Amino acid sequence: MNLKQLLHHFTNELIAIYDEQEIISIFNITVEHVSGFNRSQLMLNGDAEIEDVKYNDYLQIVNRLKTGEPLQYVIGDTVFYGLTFKVSGVVLIPRPETEELVDWVIERCDSDQFKTLENGSILDIGTGSGCIAISLKKNLKNFKVSAIDVSESALAIASENALLNNTQINFIHADILNYKSTEKYDLIVSNPPYITMEEQKSMHKNVLENEPHSALFVSDEEPLIFYEAIAEFALFNLNENGLLCFEINEYLGKETVQMLSNKSFINIELRKDMQGKDRMVLASGVKLRNDSF
């Protein structure tokens, strides 16, 4: 079998789950993973016969994909912000909209507000694969970056990714719902769980059956539970003029802004993603609390 014939096989096997354009994208990524061909090389080598060992690899991959398992978990890695990250079922697959959050954070850290800092500090809460923390450290080399997660398994993946991308991150095993610290930060960023149980009903099967629910879902009764806890933490742990940045539920933008305002944050900005959905909130100028824990 050659690669052109293999694409036909992929299409026949996956058409019940994905549309043709998605299948072509999956196929291209798979070929680069197994055979090392980028798209241009794939076009030039489409008639080349596939070695038996690699053919078996392709068959194993397509069989896993048929069950609805995401490609990123099947091949074990993904690309985020131009960097490669290992992923497994214990961490969320990084999304493109989160790259927009990283863009915004870097933009603000390059502003006059932070340029006078010799050694800034950043905390990523709910780091998962480490994609936000590592991408920020890679682009903001003068900043010390720490990252929290409640899952030890996720932290193990994040630590591997820090090593893979040659970055030094201070990883902390903690639950932000009850975490206390005396450490101060110039910027706190988080993409916490924010999908309500009601929204879960309309989600794709491959997400529901494969990605960690603890990193995705919150109750309908307390959809902002993590945002409130992180905002409370920030009141004690942000330096003066520090920033708090969130990725948010597109349906809860106004509620998130109001919650931050109620907690004394000012200069609150709500930003849409490239699809025109409310997706990010940034707050600065918080009047810091001086009372003790």
Protein backbone atom coordinates (compact mmCIF):
# COMPACT_ATOMS: atom_id res chain seq x y z
CA MET A 1 0.00 0.00 0.00
CA ASN A 2 1.21 3.52 -0.77
CA LEU A 3 0.34 6.77 0.99
CA LYS A 4 -2.36 7.73 -1.51
CA GLN A 5 -4.09 4.41 -0.91
CA LEU A 6 -3.63 4.84 2.82
CA LEU A 7 -5.49 8.17 2.70
CA HIS A 8 -8.37 6.36 1.02
CA HIS A 9 -8.30 3.78 3.84
CA PHE A 10 -8.29 6.53 6.49
CA THR A 11 -11.26 8.18 4.80
CA ASN A 12 -13.30 4.97 4.66
CA GLU A 13 -12.56 4.16 8.30
CA LEU A 14 -13.15 7.63 9.78
CA ILE A 15 -15.88 9.20 7.65
CA ALA A 16 -18.53 8.25 10.21
CA ILE A 17 -16.77 10.40 12.83
CA TYR A 18 -15.03 13.22 10.93
CA ASP A 19 -15.70 15.19 7.76
CA GLU A 20 -13.32 14.88 4.81
CA GLN A 21 -11.30 18.00 5.58
CA GLU A 22 -10.77 16.85 9.17
CA ILE A 23 -9.67 13.44 7.91
CA ILE A 24 -7.13 15.00 5.55
CA SER A 25 -5.74 17.11 8.40
CA ILE A 26 -5.57 14.04 10.68
CA PHE A 27 -3.89 12.06 7.91
CA ASN A 28 -1.27 14.76 7.27
CA ILE A 29 -0.36 14.96 10.95
CA THR A 30 -0.25 11.16 11.22
CA VAL A 31 2.06 10.82 8.21
CA GLU A 32 4.44 13.41 9.64
CA HIS A 33 4.41 11.54 12.96
CA VAL A 34 4.96 8.05 11.51
CA SER A 35 6.94 8.63 8.30
CA GLY A 36 8.43 12.06 8.97
CA PHE A 37 6.98 13.61 5.80
CA ASN A 38 5.65 17.16 5.92
CA ARG A 39 2.85 18.10 3.52
CA SER A 40 5.18 18.97 0.63
CA GLN A 41 7.11 15.73 1.07
CA LEU A 42 3.85 13.81 1.30
CA MET A 43 2.82 15.12 -2.13
CA LEU A 44 6.17 14.05 -3.58
CA ASN A 45 6.09 10.60 -1.94
CA GLY A 46 2.41 9.73 -2.36
CA ASP A 47 3.18 6.74 -4.57
CA ALA A 48 5.92 5.35 -2.34
CA GLU A 49 5.20 1.96 -0.78
CA ILE A 50 4.83 1.95 3.00
CA GLU A 51 7.18 -0.26 4.98
CA ASP A 52 5.47 -3.12 6.84
CA VAL A 53 6.44 -1.82 10.28
CA LYS A 54 5.13 1.66 9.55
CA TYR A 55 2.01 0.26 7.90
CA ASN A 56 1.20 -1.55 11.14
CA ASP A 57 1.73 1.72 13.02
CA TYR A 58 -0.77 3.42 10.72
CA LEU A 59 -3.33 0.66 11.23
CA GLN A 60 -3.00 0.89 15.01
CA ILE A 61 -3.50 4.65 14.86
CA VAL A 62 -6.58 4.50 12.63
CA ASN A 63 -8.12 1.78 14.83
CA ARG A 64 -7.76 4.02 17.89
CA LEU A 65 -9.11 7.01 15.99
CA LYS A 66 -12.19 4.98 15.03
CA THR A 67 -13.13 4.76 18.71
CA GLY A 68 -13.24 8.56 18.92
CA GLU A 69 -9.93 8.93 20.75
CA PRO A 70 -8.43 12.32 19.83
CA LEU A 71 -5.44 12.25 17.49
CA GLN A 72 -3.29 14.16 19.97
CA TYR A 73 -3.70 11.40 22.56
CA VAL A 74 -3.13 8.70 19.96
CA ILE A 75 0.21 10.09 18.77
CA GLY A 76 1.09 11.43 22.23
CA ASP A 77 1.84 15.06 21.44
CA THR A 78 0.51 18.29 19.99
CA VAL A 79 1.78 21.70 18.94
CA PHE A 80 0.87 24.80 20.96
CA TYR A 81 2.28 28.27 20.39
CA GLY A 82 4.92 26.79 18.07
CA LEU A 83 6.14 24.33 20.72
CA THR A 84 5.67 20.57 21.03
CA PHE A 85 3.86 19.27 24.10
CA LYS A 86 3.36 15.71 25.25
CA VAL A 87 -0.27 14.97 26.10
CA SER A 88 -2.21 12.03 27.47
CA GLY A 89 -5.66 11.45 28.89
CA VAL A 90 -4.68 13.03 32.22
CA VAL A 91 -4.38 16.52 30.68
CA LEU A 92 -6.53 18.62 28.39
CA ILE A 93 -5.51 19.00 24.77
CA PRO A 94 -4.40 22.65 24.37
CA ARG A 95 -6.83 24.72 22.28
CA PRO A 96 -6.15 27.51 19.76
CA GLU A 97 -8.13 30.04 21.82
CA THR A 98 -5.70 29.51 24.68
CA GLU A 99 -2.91 30.63 22.33
CA GLU A 100 -4.81 33.92 22.10
CA LEU A 101 -4.68 34.21 25.90
CA VAL A 102 -0.91 33.64 25.80
CA ASP A 103 -0.64 36.32 23.10
CA TRP A 104 -2.48 38.80 25.29
CA VAL A 105 -0.35 38.06 28.35
CA ILE A 106 2.89 38.45 26.38
CA GLU A 107 1.58 41.69 24.87
CA ARG A 108 0.90 43.10 28.34
CA CYS A 109 4.20 41.88 29.76
CA ASP A 110 6.00 43.69 26.93
CA SER A 111 4.20 46.93 27.80
CA ASP A 112 5.71 49.85 29.72
CA GLN A 113 3.96 48.60 32.86
CA PHE A 114 6.34 45.62 33.07
CA LYS A 115 9.43 46.78 31.19
CA THR A 116 10.92 48.27 34.35
CA LEU A 117 10.76 44.89 36.12
CA GLU A 118 14.14 43.19 36.32
CA ASN A 119 12.77 39.86 37.55
CA GLY A 120 9.04 39.56 37.07
CA SER A 121 7.04 36.61 38.37
CA ILE A 122 4.13 34.70 36.84
CA LEU A 123 1.83 32.04 38.29
CA ASP A 124 -0.22 29.71 36.06
CA ILE A 125 -3.09 28.12 37.96
CA GLY A 126 -4.39 24.77 36.70
CA THR A 127 -1.43 24.24 34.41
CA GLY A 128 -2.40 20.82 32.98
CA SER A 129 0.13 20.04 30.24
CA GLY A 130 2.05 23.19 31.17
CA CYS A 131 1.29 24.78 27.80
CA ILE A 132 0.58 28.28 29.16
CA ALA A 133 3.41 28.37 31.69
CA ILE A 134 6.02 26.96 29.30
CA SER A 135 4.96 29.16 26.38
CA LEU A 136 5.17 32.24 28.60
CA LYS A 137 8.58 31.28 29.97
CA LYS A 138 9.86 30.62 26.45
CA ASN A 139 8.83 34.12 25.37
CA LEU A 140 9.38 36.05 28.61
CA LYS A 141 12.82 34.84 29.62
CA ASN A 142 13.30 37.41 32.39
CA PHE A 143 10.20 36.23 34.22
CA LYS A 144 10.22 33.51 36.85
CA VAL A 145 7.27 31.20 36.13
CA SER A 146 5.48 28.94 38.60
CA ALA A 147 2.57 26.61 37.90
CA ILE A 148 -0.03 24.91 40.09
CA ASP A 149 -2.15 21.84 39.46
CA VAL A 150 -4.24 19.61 41.69
CA SER A 151 -3.31 16.53 39.64
CA GLU A 152 0.05 14.90 40.27
CA SER A 153 -0.32 13.02 36.98
CA ALA A 154 -0.79 16.30 35.12
CA LEU A 155 2.25 17.79 36.85
CA ALA A 156 4.33 14.81 35.72
CA ILE A 157 3.35 15.54 32.10
CA ALA A 158 3.99 19.26 32.57
CA SER A 159 7.43 18.55 34.02
CA GLU A 160 8.26 16.41 30.98
CA ASN A 161 7.14 19.24 28.73
CA ALA A 162 9.28 21.77 30.56
CA LEU A 163 12.28 19.52 30.01
CA LEU A 164 11.30 18.91 26.38
CA ASN A 165 11.15 22.66 25.74
CA ASN A 166 14.23 23.52 27.80
CA THR A 167 12.39 25.75 30.27
CA GLN A 168 12.61 26.03 34.04
CA ILE A 169 9.22 26.10 35.75
CA ASN A 170 8.51 25.87 39.48
CA PHE A 171 5.72 23.29 39.69
CA ILE A 172 3.46 23.20 42.75
CA HIS A 173 1.05 20.42 43.68
CA ALA A 174 -1.94 22.19 45.19
CA ASP A 175 -5.70 22.69 44.99
CA ILE A 176 -6.43 26.37 44.39
CA LEU A 177 -9.75 26.02 46.21
CA ASN A 178 -7.83 25.81 49.49
CA TYR A 179 -4.27 26.89 48.60
CA LYS A 180 -2.55 29.58 50.66
CA SER A 181 0.85 31.11 50.01
CA THR A 182 2.91 34.15 50.98
CA GLU A 183 4.53 34.31 47.53
CA LYS A 184 3.81 37.43 45.47
CA TYR A 185 3.39 37.55 41.69
CA ASP A 186 3.29 40.23 39.03
CA LEU A 187 0.87 38.25 36.92
CA ILE A 188 -1.52 35.39 37.62
CA VAL A 189 -3.01 33.55 34.66
CA SER A 190 -5.47 30.69 34.53
CA ASN A 191 -7.62 28.62 32.20
CA PRO A 192 -9.65 26.84 34.87
CA PRO A 193 -12.60 24.46 34.42
CA TYR A 194 -15.59 26.48 33.18
CA ILE A 195 -17.98 24.29 31.18
CA THR A 196 -21.30 23.79 32.94
CA MET A 197 -23.01 20.43 33.21
CA GLU A 198 -25.82 21.79 31.05
CA GLU A 199 -23.34 22.65 28.28
CA GLN A 200 -21.82 19.18 28.60
CA LYS A 201 -24.91 17.70 26.94
CA SER A 202 -24.02 19.29 23.59
CA MET A 203 -20.32 18.42 23.56
CA HIS A 204 -18.58 16.08 21.13
CA LYS A 205 -18.37 12.45 22.19
CA ASN A 206 -14.59 12.26 21.73
CA VAL A 207 -14.12 15.05 24.31
CA LEU A 208 -16.55 13.58 26.83
CA GLU A 209 -15.11 10.07 26.64
CA ASN A 210 -11.42 10.95 26.59
CA GLU A 211 -10.49 14.27 28.17
CA PRO A 212 -10.34 14.67 31.98
CA HIS A 213 -13.68 15.90 33.31
CA SER A 214 -12.07 17.49 36.36
CA ALA A 215 -10.26 19.92 34.04
CA LEU A 216 -13.39 20.76 32.05
CA PHE A 217 -16.57 20.88 34.08
CA VAL A 218 -18.16 22.84 36.90
CA SER A 219 -21.61 22.60 38.43
CA ASP A 220 -24.49 24.63 37.04
CA GLU A 221 -24.97 26.08 40.53
CA GLU A 222 -21.38 27.38 40.91
CA PRO A 223 -20.02 28.00 37.40
CA LEU A 224 -17.48 30.57 38.63
CA ILE A 225 -16.21 28.60 41.62
CA PHE A 226 -12.61 28.49 40.37
CA TYR A 227 -12.63 32.10 39.18
CA GLU A 228 -13.80 33.29 42.58
CA ALA A 229 -11.13 31.24 44.37
CA ILE A 230 -8.38 32.48 42.04
CA ALA A 231 -9.56 36.09 42.38
CA GLU A 232 -9.46 35.75 46.19
CA PHE A 233 -5.96 34.30 45.95
CA ALA A 234 -4.90 37.17 43.69
CA LEU A 235 -6.11 39.77 46.19
CA PHE A 236 -3.46 38.50 48.60
CA ASN A 237 -0.79 37.35 46.18
CA LEU A 238 -0.56 39.90 43.37
CA ASN A 239 2.08 42.60 43.62
CA GLU A 240 0.94 46.19 43.37
CA ASN A 241 -0.23 46.92 39.80
CA GLY A 242 -0.16 43.20 39.04
CA LEU A 243 -2.42 41.57 36.47
CA LEU A 244 -4.95 38.75 36.65
CA CYS A 245 -5.75 37.02 33.34
CA PHE A 246 -8.41 34.38 32.66
CA GLU A 247 -9.70 32.30 29.81
CA ILE A 248 -13.45 32.22 30.36
CA ASN A 249 -16.73 30.57 29.43
CA GLU A 250 -18.08 32.47 26.41
CA TYR A 251 -21.53 32.64 28.04
CA LEU A 252 -20.29 34.04 31.37
CA GLY A 253 -18.27 37.07 30.32
CA LYS A 254 -20.47 39.66 32.03
CA GLU A 255 -20.78 37.54 35.16
CA THR A 256 -17.00 37.11 35.38
CA VAL A 257 -16.43 40.85 34.97
CA GLN A 258 -19.04 41.60 37.64
CA MET A 259 -17.48 39.09 40.05
CA LEU A 260 -14.06 40.73 39.64
CA SER A 261 -15.57 44.18 40.14
CA ASN A 262 -17.31 43.00 43.31
CA LYS A 263 -13.93 41.85 44.62
CA SER A 264 -12.36 45.32 44.13
CA PHE A 265 -10.55 44.69 40.84
CA ILE A 266 -10.52 47.62 38.42
CA ASN A 267 -9.40 48.22 34.82
CA ILE A 268 -11.25 45.05 33.85
CA GLU A 269 -11.07 44.17 30.15
CA LEU A 270 -13.22 41.60 28.37
CA ARG A 271 -11.81 40.39 25.04
CA LYS A 272 -13.31 38.25 22.30
CA ASP A 273 -11.48 35.43 20.54
CA MET A 274 -11.01 35.14 16.78
CA GLN A 275 -14.48 33.60 16.50
CA GLY A 276 -16.07 36.65 18.09
CA LYS A 277 -16.84 34.92 21.40
CA ASP A 278 -16.16 36.39 24.84
CA ARG A 279 -13.08 34.38 25.79
CA MET A 280 -10.61 36.33 27.95
CA VAL A 281 -10.68 38.70 30.90
CA LEU A 282 -7.83 40.78 32.25
CA ALA A 283 -7.97 42.80 35.46
CA SER A 284 -5.39 45.19 36.87
CA GLY A 285 -5.07 47.94 39.43
CA VAL A 286 -6.47 45.81 42.20
CA LYS A 287 -6.61 47.40 45.62
CA LEU A 288 -4.63 44.75 47.47
CA ARG A 289 -5.86 43.41 50.76
CA ASN A 290 -3.49 43.58 53.68
CA ASP A 291 -5.43 41.45 56.14
CA SER A 292 -3.93 38.12 57.09
CA PHE A 293 -5.06 34.68 56.08
